[in-house]
Amino acid sequence: MLAAYVSASALRGVVTSLLIVGVGLLFTSVAVADPLYLAAFLLVITVLFGGLGVIGGLWADDFDYPTVMNQFILRPLVFFGAVFYSLDILPPFWRNVSLLNPMVYIVNGVRYGMIGVTEIDPNASLGVLTGATIAVLLIDLLLKRGYGLTD
């Protein structure tokens, strides 16, 4: 059952992202710089967020809980994930603090796959995200134990 939830969520993420990239490529002349890295990041990121969605669903007591997860956890991570600024302009202390944010690795990985520019080694980014995905899927195994399920 866990595999079905995560797989369905990941498939939805893949389809959505392919549609967005496809539409974007219709309106720009930018070619995909490294399609293999882009595909690898796409797979790891969608499985990661699928697993996080299962955790959010287990934690939720009502429909407000996923909104809390989005508004107070995910959104701040995106804003501080080097989407709107370069890691190179940060002082060394804040750059190291930023590297604790998984969104930094997501942004840099997708940026490398699309346009070939990155501030972090793409192999390191893929490794960090793969490790985070494995950790999230291990937490998801709580579903098999019945955590968060009611009669």
N, C-alpha and C. Protein backbone atom coordinates (compact mmCIF):
# COMPACT_ATOMS: atom_id res chain seq x y z
N MET A 1 0.83 -1.19 0.00
CA MET A 1 0.00 0.00 0.00
C MET A 1 0.88 1.26 0.00
N LEU A 2 1.97 1.21 0.78
CA LEU A 2 2.88 2.34 0.82
C LEU A 2 3.47 2.61 -0.56
N ALA A 3 3.89 1.55 -1.24
CA ALA A 3 4.47 1.71 -2.57
C ALA A 3 3.46 2.31 -3.54
N ALA A 4 2.19 1.95 -3.39
CA ALA A 4 1.17 2.50 -4.28
C ALA A 4 0.97 3.99 -4.04
N TYR A 5 0.94 4.41 -2.79
CA TYR A 5 0.77 5.83 -2.47
C TYR A 5 1.94 6.66 -3.01
N VAL A 6 3.15 6.20 -2.72
CA VAL A 6 4.33 6.95 -3.15
C VAL A 6 4.47 6.92 -4.67
N SER A 7 4.23 5.77 -5.28
CA SER A 7 4.33 5.66 -6.74
C SER A 7 3.31 6.55 -7.45
N ALA A 8 2.09 6.54 -6.96
CA ALA A 8 1.05 7.37 -7.57
C ALA A 8 1.40 8.85 -7.44
N SER A 9 1.89 9.23 -6.28
CA SER A 9 2.28 10.62 -6.08
C SER A 9 3.47 11.00 -6.96
N ALA A 10 4.45 10.11 -7.05
CA ALA A 10 5.62 10.38 -7.89
C ALA A 10 5.22 10.46 -9.36
N LEU A 11 4.33 9.58 -9.80
CA LEU A 11 3.88 9.62 -11.20
C LEU A 11 3.17 10.93 -11.50
N ARG A 12 2.35 11.37 -10.58
CA ARG A 12 1.67 12.66 -10.76
C ARG A 12 2.69 13.80 -10.86
N GLY A 13 3.72 13.76 -10.02
CA GLY A 13 4.76 14.77 -10.06
C GLY A 13 5.54 14.74 -11.37
N VAL A 14 5.84 13.54 -11.86
CA VAL A 14 6.57 13.42 -13.12
C VAL A 14 5.75 13.97 -14.28
N VAL A 15 4.47 13.59 -14.34
CA VAL A 15 3.62 14.08 -15.43
C VAL A 15 3.49 15.60 -15.37
N THR A 16 3.26 16.13 -14.19
CA THR A 16 3.13 17.58 -14.04
C THR A 16 4.41 18.30 -14.45
N SER A 17 5.54 17.80 -13.99
CA SER A 17 6.80 18.48 -14.32
C SER A 17 7.13 18.36 -15.80
N LEU A 18 6.83 17.23 -16.42
CA LEU A 18 7.07 17.10 -17.86
C LEU A 18 6.18 18.04 -18.66
N LEU A 19 4.95 18.23 -18.21
CA LEU A 19 4.08 19.20 -18.89
C LEU A 19 4.61 20.62 -18.74
N ILE A 20 5.08 20.96 -17.55
CA ILE A 20 5.61 22.31 -17.31
C ILE A 20 6.87 22.54 -18.15
N VAL A 21 7.77 21.57 -18.15
CA VAL A 21 8.99 21.71 -18.95
C VAL A 21 8.65 21.77 -20.44
N GLY A 22 7.72 20.93 -20.86
CA GLY A 22 7.31 20.94 -22.27
C GLY A 22 6.75 22.28 -22.71
N VAL A 23 5.87 22.85 -21.91
CA VAL A 23 5.31 24.16 -22.24
C VAL A 23 6.40 25.23 -22.21
N GLY A 24 7.28 25.14 -21.22
CA GLY A 24 8.38 26.11 -21.14
C GLY A 24 9.29 26.04 -22.36
N LEU A 25 9.56 24.84 -22.83
CA LEU A 25 10.43 24.69 -24.00
C LEU A 25 9.76 25.17 -25.29
N LEU A 26 8.44 25.19 -25.30
CA LEU A 26 7.74 25.74 -26.47
C LEU A 26 7.96 27.24 -26.61
N PHE A 27 8.14 27.93 -25.49
CA PHE A 27 8.24 29.39 -25.50
C PHE A 27 9.66 29.92 -25.34
N THR A 28 10.63 29.03 -25.19
CA THR A 28 12.01 29.48 -25.05
C THR A 28 12.90 28.71 -26.01
N SER A 29 14.10 29.22 -26.19
CA SER A 29 15.05 28.53 -27.06
C SER A 29 16.11 27.79 -26.24
N VAL A 30 15.87 27.63 -24.96
CA VAL A 30 16.83 26.95 -24.09
C VAL A 30 16.70 25.45 -24.28
N ALA A 31 17.82 24.82 -24.56
CA ALA A 31 17.83 23.37 -24.68
C ALA A 31 18.16 22.77 -23.31
N VAL A 32 17.72 21.56 -23.07
CA VAL A 32 18.03 20.88 -21.82
C VAL A 32 19.51 20.52 -21.85
N ALA A 33 20.27 20.98 -20.86
CA ALA A 33 21.73 20.82 -20.86
C ALA A 33 22.15 19.37 -20.60
N ASP A 34 21.54 18.72 -19.62
CA ASP A 34 21.92 17.35 -19.28
C ASP A 34 20.67 16.55 -18.94
N PRO A 35 20.05 15.92 -19.95
CA PRO A 35 18.78 15.23 -19.73
C PRO A 35 18.88 14.06 -18.75
N LEU A 36 20.03 13.40 -18.66
CA LEU A 36 20.15 12.28 -17.73
C LEU A 36 20.12 12.76 -16.28
N TYR A 37 20.84 13.83 -16.00
CA TYR A 37 20.78 14.39 -14.65
C TYR A 37 19.38 14.92 -14.35
N LEU A 38 18.78 15.57 -15.32
CA LEU A 38 17.43 16.09 -15.11
C LEU A 38 16.45 14.96 -14.80
N ALA A 39 16.55 13.85 -15.53
CA ALA A 39 15.67 12.70 -15.28
C ALA A 39 15.94 12.09 -13.90
N ALA A 40 17.21 12.00 -13.52
CA ALA A 40 17.54 11.45 -12.21
C ALA A 40 17.00 12.33 -11.09
N PHE A 41 17.20 13.64 -11.22
CA PHE A 41 16.67 14.55 -10.20
C PHE A 41 15.14 14.51 -10.18
N LEU A 42 14.53 14.43 -11.35
CA LEU A 42 13.07 14.36 -11.42
C LEU A 42 12.55 13.15 -10.66
N LEU A 43 13.18 12.01 -10.87
CA LEU A 43 12.75 10.78 -10.20
C LEU A 43 12.94 10.88 -8.68
N VAL A 44 14.13 11.31 -8.26
CA VAL A 44 14.42 11.37 -6.82
C VAL A 44 13.53 12.41 -6.13
N ILE A 45 13.34 13.56 -6.76
CA ILE A 45 12.55 14.62 -6.14
C ILE A 45 11.08 14.22 -6.03
N THR A 46 10.53 13.59 -7.07
CA THR A 46 9.12 13.21 -7.00
C THR A 46 8.88 12.12 -5.97
N VAL A 47 9.81 11.17 -5.85
CA VAL A 47 9.66 10.13 -4.83
C VAL A 47 9.82 10.74 -3.44
N LEU A 48 10.76 11.68 -3.29
CA LEU A 48 10.95 12.36 -2.00
C LEU A 48 9.67 13.08 -1.57
N PHE A 49 9.10 13.85 -2.48
CA PHE A 49 7.89 14.58 -2.11
C PHE A 49 6.68 13.67 -1.98
N GLY A 50 6.65 12.57 -2.72
CA GLY A 50 5.59 11.58 -2.52
C GLY A 50 5.66 10.98 -1.13
N GLY A 51 6.88 10.66 -0.68
CA GLY A 51 7.06 10.14 0.67
C GLY A 51 6.72 11.16 1.74
N LEU A 52 7.10 12.42 1.49
CA LEU A 52 6.73 13.48 2.44
C LEU A 52 5.21 13.67 2.49
N GLY A 53 4.55 13.47 1.36
CA GLY A 53 3.09 13.56 1.34
C GLY A 53 2.44 12.47 2.19
N VAL A 54 3.02 11.28 2.16
CA VAL A 54 2.51 10.19 3.01
C VAL A 54 2.70 10.54 4.48
N ILE A 55 3.87 11.10 4.81
CA ILE A 55 4.10 11.52 6.20
C ILE A 55 3.09 12.59 6.61
N GLY A 56 2.85 13.56 5.73
CA GLY A 56 1.86 14.59 6.03
C GLY A 56 0.47 14.02 6.20
N GLY A 57 0.13 13.03 5.38
CA GLY A 57 -1.18 12.39 5.50
C GLY A 57 -1.32 11.60 6.79
N LEU A 58 -0.24 10.95 7.23
CA LEU A 58 -0.28 10.22 8.50
C LEU A 58 -0.40 11.16 9.68
N TRP A 59 0.25 12.30 9.58
CA TRP A 59 0.26 13.27 10.67
C TRP A 59 -1.05 14.02 10.77
N ALA A 60 -1.75 14.15 9.67
CA ALA A 60 -2.93 15.01 9.60
C ALA A 60 -4.11 14.41 10.37
N ASP A 61 -4.72 15.25 11.18
CA ASP A 61 -5.97 14.89 11.84
C ASP A 61 -7.16 15.43 11.07
N ASP A 62 -6.94 16.50 10.30
CA ASP A 62 -7.99 17.06 9.45
C ASP A 62 -7.33 17.71 8.24
N PHE A 63 -8.12 18.40 7.43
CA PHE A 63 -7.60 18.96 6.18
C PHE A 63 -6.72 20.19 6.37
N ASP A 64 -6.64 20.73 7.58
CA ASP A 64 -5.80 21.89 7.83
C ASP A 64 -4.32 21.53 7.99
N TYR A 65 -4.04 20.31 8.40
CA TYR A 65 -2.66 19.93 8.66
C TYR A 65 -1.76 19.98 7.42
N PRO A 66 -2.19 19.46 6.27
CA PRO A 66 -1.32 19.59 5.08
C PRO A 66 -1.05 21.05 4.70
N THR A 67 -1.99 21.93 4.96
CA THR A 67 -1.78 23.35 4.69
C THR A 67 -0.71 23.91 5.61
N VAL A 68 -0.73 23.49 6.87
CA VAL A 68 0.30 23.92 7.82
C VAL A 68 1.67 23.45 7.35
N MET A 69 1.74 22.20 6.88
CA MET A 69 3.01 21.66 6.39
C MET A 69 3.52 22.48 5.20
N ASN A 70 2.63 22.86 4.32
CA ASN A 70 3.01 23.65 3.15
C ASN A 70 3.42 25.07 3.54
N GLN A 71 2.62 25.71 4.37
CA GLN A 71 2.84 27.13 4.68
C GLN A 71 4.03 27.37 5.61
N PHE A 72 4.23 26.49 6.57
CA PHE A 72 5.23 26.77 7.60
C PHE A 72 6.50 25.92 7.49
N ILE A 73 6.51 24.93 6.63
CA ILE A 73 7.71 24.12 6.45
C ILE A 73 8.23 24.26 5.03
N LEU A 74 7.42 23.91 4.06
CA LEU A 74 7.88 23.87 2.67
C LEU A 74 8.17 25.26 2.10
N ARG A 75 7.27 26.18 2.27
CA ARG A 75 7.45 27.51 1.68
C ARG A 75 8.70 28.24 2.20
N PRO A 76 8.95 28.26 3.51
CA PRO A 76 10.21 28.90 3.96
C PRO A 76 11.45 28.20 3.42
N LEU A 77 11.41 26.87 3.31
CA LEU A 77 12.55 26.17 2.74
C LEU A 77 12.80 26.57 1.29
N VAL A 78 11.73 26.80 0.55
CA VAL A 78 11.89 27.24 -0.85
C VAL A 78 12.48 28.64 -0.90
N PHE A 79 11.98 29.55 -0.09
CA PHE A 79 12.48 30.93 -0.12
C PHE A 79 13.95 31.01 0.29
N PHE A 80 14.39 30.13 1.19
CA PHE A 80 15.79 30.13 1.61
C PHE A 80 16.58 29.02 0.93
N GLY A 81 16.11 28.57 -0.23
CA GLY A 81 16.74 27.47 -0.95
C GLY A 81 17.57 27.91 -2.14
N ALA A 82 18.03 29.13 -2.17
CA ALA A 82 18.88 29.67 -3.24
C ALA A 82 18.13 29.73 -4.57
N VAL A 83 16.83 29.92 -4.51
CA VAL A 83 16.06 30.12 -5.73
C VAL A 83 16.26 31.54 -6.23
N PHE A 84 16.24 32.50 -5.32
CA PHE A 84 16.27 33.92 -5.68
C PHE A 84 17.62 34.58 -5.46
N TYR A 85 18.61 33.84 -5.03
CA TYR A 85 19.94 34.39 -4.78
C TYR A 85 20.98 33.30 -5.00
N SER A 86 22.21 33.71 -5.15
CA SER A 86 23.31 32.77 -5.34
C SER A 86 23.94 32.43 -4.00
N LEU A 87 24.32 31.19 -3.83
CA LEU A 87 25.03 30.80 -2.61
C LEU A 87 26.39 31.47 -2.52
N ASP A 88 26.94 31.84 -3.67
CA ASP A 88 28.27 32.44 -3.70
C ASP A 88 28.32 33.82 -3.06
N ILE A 89 27.19 34.50 -2.95
CA ILE A 89 27.20 35.85 -2.35
C ILE A 89 27.07 35.81 -0.83
N LEU A 90 26.78 34.64 -0.28
CA LEU A 90 26.62 34.52 1.16
C LEU A 90 27.96 34.42 1.86
N PRO A 91 28.04 34.97 3.08
CA PRO A 91 29.25 34.73 3.88
C PRO A 91 29.38 33.23 4.17
N PRO A 92 30.58 32.76 4.43
CA PRO A 92 30.80 31.31 4.61
C PRO A 92 29.88 30.66 5.65
N PHE A 93 29.63 31.35 6.77
CA PHE A 93 28.76 30.76 7.80
C PHE A 93 27.36 30.52 7.25
N TRP A 94 26.77 31.52 6.58
CA TRP A 94 25.41 31.39 6.08
C TRP A 94 25.33 30.45 4.88
N ARG A 95 26.41 30.35 4.12
CA ARG A 95 26.45 29.38 3.03
C ARG A 95 26.37 27.97 3.61
N ASN A 96 27.12 27.72 4.68
CA ASN A 96 27.09 26.40 5.32
C ASN A 96 25.73 26.11 5.94
N VAL A 97 25.10 27.13 6.51
CA VAL A 97 23.75 26.95 7.06
C VAL A 97 22.77 26.63 5.92
N SER A 98 22.92 27.30 4.78
CA SER A 98 22.05 27.05 3.63
C SER A 98 22.18 25.63 3.12
N LEU A 99 23.35 25.04 3.27
CA LEU A 99 23.55 23.67 2.79
C LEU A 99 22.81 22.64 3.62
N LEU A 100 22.23 23.05 4.74
CA LEU A 100 21.37 22.15 5.53
C LEU A 100 19.96 22.07 4.96
N ASN A 101 19.64 22.96 4.03
CA ASN A 101 18.31 23.03 3.43
C ASN A 101 18.27 22.12 2.20
N PRO A 102 17.41 21.11 2.20
CA PRO A 102 17.35 20.21 1.04
C PRO A 102 16.90 20.91 -0.25
N MET A 103 16.19 22.01 -0.14
CA MET A 103 15.75 22.72 -1.34
C MET A 103 16.93 23.29 -2.12
N VAL A 104 18.04 23.57 -1.45
CA VAL A 104 19.24 24.05 -2.14
C VAL A 104 19.72 22.99 -3.14
N TYR A 105 19.69 21.74 -2.72
CA TYR A 105 20.15 20.66 -3.59
C TYR A 105 19.15 20.40 -4.72
N ILE A 106 17.87 20.56 -4.43
CA ILE A 106 16.84 20.40 -5.46
C ILE A 106 16.99 21.48 -6.52
N VAL A 107 17.09 22.72 -6.08
CA VAL A 107 17.20 23.86 -7.01
C VAL A 107 18.46 23.74 -7.86
N ASN A 108 19.59 23.45 -7.22
CA ASN A 108 20.84 23.35 -7.97
C ASN A 108 20.86 22.16 -8.91
N GLY A 109 20.26 21.06 -8.51
CA GLY A 109 20.22 19.89 -9.37
C GLY A 109 19.37 20.11 -10.61
N VAL A 110 18.20 20.66 -10.43
CA VAL A 110 17.32 20.92 -11.59
C VAL A 110 17.93 22.01 -12.46
N ARG A 111 18.52 23.02 -11.84
CA ARG A 111 19.17 24.08 -12.60
C ARG A 111 20.31 23.51 -13.46
N TYR A 112 21.07 22.57 -12.90
CA TYR A 112 22.15 21.95 -13.66
C TYR A 112 21.58 21.12 -14.82
N GLY A 113 20.54 20.35 -14.56
CA GLY A 113 19.96 19.54 -15.62
C GLY A 113 19.36 20.37 -16.75
N MET A 114 18.78 21.52 -16.39
CA MET A 114 18.13 22.35 -17.41
C MET A 114 19.11 23.26 -18.15
N ILE A 115 19.95 23.98 -17.42
CA ILE A 115 20.79 24.98 -18.09
C ILE A 115 22.29 24.75 -17.91
N GLY A 116 22.66 23.71 -17.15
CA GLY A 116 24.07 23.38 -17.00
C GLY A 116 24.84 24.25 -16.03
N VAL A 117 24.15 24.99 -15.18
CA VAL A 117 24.80 25.88 -14.21
C VAL A 117 24.47 25.37 -12.81
N THR A 118 25.49 25.29 -11.96
CA THR A 118 25.27 24.85 -10.59
C THR A 118 26.33 25.45 -9.67
N GLU A 119 26.03 25.53 -8.40
CA GLU A 119 26.97 25.99 -7.39
C GLU A 119 27.44 24.84 -6.51
N ILE A 120 26.78 23.71 -6.67
CA ILE A 120 27.10 22.51 -5.89
C ILE A 120 27.30 21.38 -6.89
N ASP A 121 28.24 20.50 -6.62
CA ASP A 121 28.48 19.36 -7.49
C ASP A 121 27.17 18.57 -7.66
N PRO A 122 26.74 18.33 -8.90
CA PRO A 122 25.47 17.63 -9.11
C PRO A 122 25.46 16.22 -8.53
N ASN A 123 26.60 15.56 -8.50
CA ASN A 123 26.66 14.23 -7.90
C ASN A 123 26.42 14.31 -6.39
N ALA A 124 26.97 15.34 -5.76
CA ALA A 124 26.75 15.54 -4.32
C ALA A 124 25.27 15.85 -4.06
N SER A 125 24.69 16.70 -4.90
CA SER A 125 23.27 17.03 -4.75
C SER A 125 22.41 15.79 -4.89
N LEU A 126 22.70 14.98 -5.90
CA LEU A 126 21.94 13.75 -6.12
C LEU A 126 22.11 12.79 -4.95
N GLY A 127 23.31 12.73 -4.40
CA GLY A 127 23.56 11.87 -3.24
C GLY A 127 22.80 12.32 -2.01
N VAL A 128 22.80 13.62 -1.74
CA VAL A 128 22.07 14.15 -0.58
C VAL A 128 20.57 13.89 -0.74
N LEU A 129 20.04 14.15 -1.93
CA LEU A 129 18.61 13.95 -2.15
C LEU A 129 18.23 12.47 -2.11
N THR A 130 19.10 11.61 -2.60
CA THR A 130 18.83 10.17 -2.53
C THR A 130 18.81 9.71 -1.07
N GLY A 131 19.77 10.20 -0.28
CA GLY A 131 19.78 9.88 1.15
C GLY A 131 18.54 10.38 1.86
N ALA A 132 18.12 11.60 1.54
CA ALA A 132 16.89 12.15 2.14
C ALA A 132 15.68 11.33 1.73
N THR A 133 15.63 10.90 0.49
CA THR A 133 14.51 10.08 0.01
C THR A 133 14.46 8.75 0.74
N ILE A 134 15.60 8.12 0.91
CA ILE A 134 15.64 6.84 1.64
C ILE A 134 15.19 7.04 3.08
N ALA A 135 15.64 8.12 3.71
CA ALA A 135 15.22 8.40 5.10
C ALA A 135 13.72 8.61 5.19
N VAL A 136 13.15 9.36 4.24
CA VAL A 136 11.71 9.61 4.25
C VAL A 136 10.94 8.32 4.03
N LEU A 137 11.42 7.48 3.12
CA LEU A 137 10.72 6.21 2.86
C LEU A 137 10.80 5.28 4.06
N LEU A 138 11.89 5.33 4.82
CA LEU A 138 11.98 4.54 6.05
C LEU A 138 10.98 5.03 7.08
N ILE A 139 10.81 6.34 7.16
CA ILE A 139 9.79 6.89 8.07
C ILE A 139 8.40 6.46 7.61
N ASP A 140 8.22 6.40 6.29
CA ASP A 140 6.92 5.98 5.75
C ASP A 140 6.56 4.55 6.13
N LEU A 141 7.54 3.76 6.49
CA LEU A 141 7.24 2.39 6.90
C LEU A 141 6.37 2.34 8.15
N LEU A 142 6.24 3.51 8.83
CA LEU A 142 5.30 3.57 9.96
C LEU A 142 3.88 3.24 9.50
N LEU A 143 3.60 3.48 8.23
CA LEU A 143 2.28 3.15 7.69
C LEU A 143 1.99 1.67 7.85
N LYS A 144 2.99 0.84 7.64
CA LYS A 144 2.80 -0.60 7.79
C LYS A 144 2.49 -0.98 9.23
N ARG A 145 2.94 -0.16 10.17
CA ARG A 145 2.69 -0.44 11.58
C ARG A 145 1.35 0.12 12.04
N GLY A 146 0.69 0.90 11.16
CA GLY A 146 -0.62 1.40 11.49
C GLY A 146 -0.65 2.78 12.08
N TYR A 147 0.50 3.48 12.13
CA TYR A 147 0.52 4.82 12.70
C TYR A 147 -0.37 5.75 11.89
N GLY A 148 -1.19 6.51 12.55
CA GLY A 148 -2.01 7.50 11.89
C GLY A 148 -3.29 6.96 11.27
N LEU A 149 -3.49 5.67 11.31
CA LEU A 149 -4.69 5.09 10.73
C LEU A 149 -5.75 4.94 11.83
N THR A 150 -6.98 5.20 11.50
CA THR A 150 -8.07 5.07 12.46
C THR A 150 -9.10 4.09 11.93
N ASP A 151 -9.96 3.65 12.82
CA ASP A 151 -11.03 2.71 12.42
C ASP A 151 -12.12 3.38 11.65
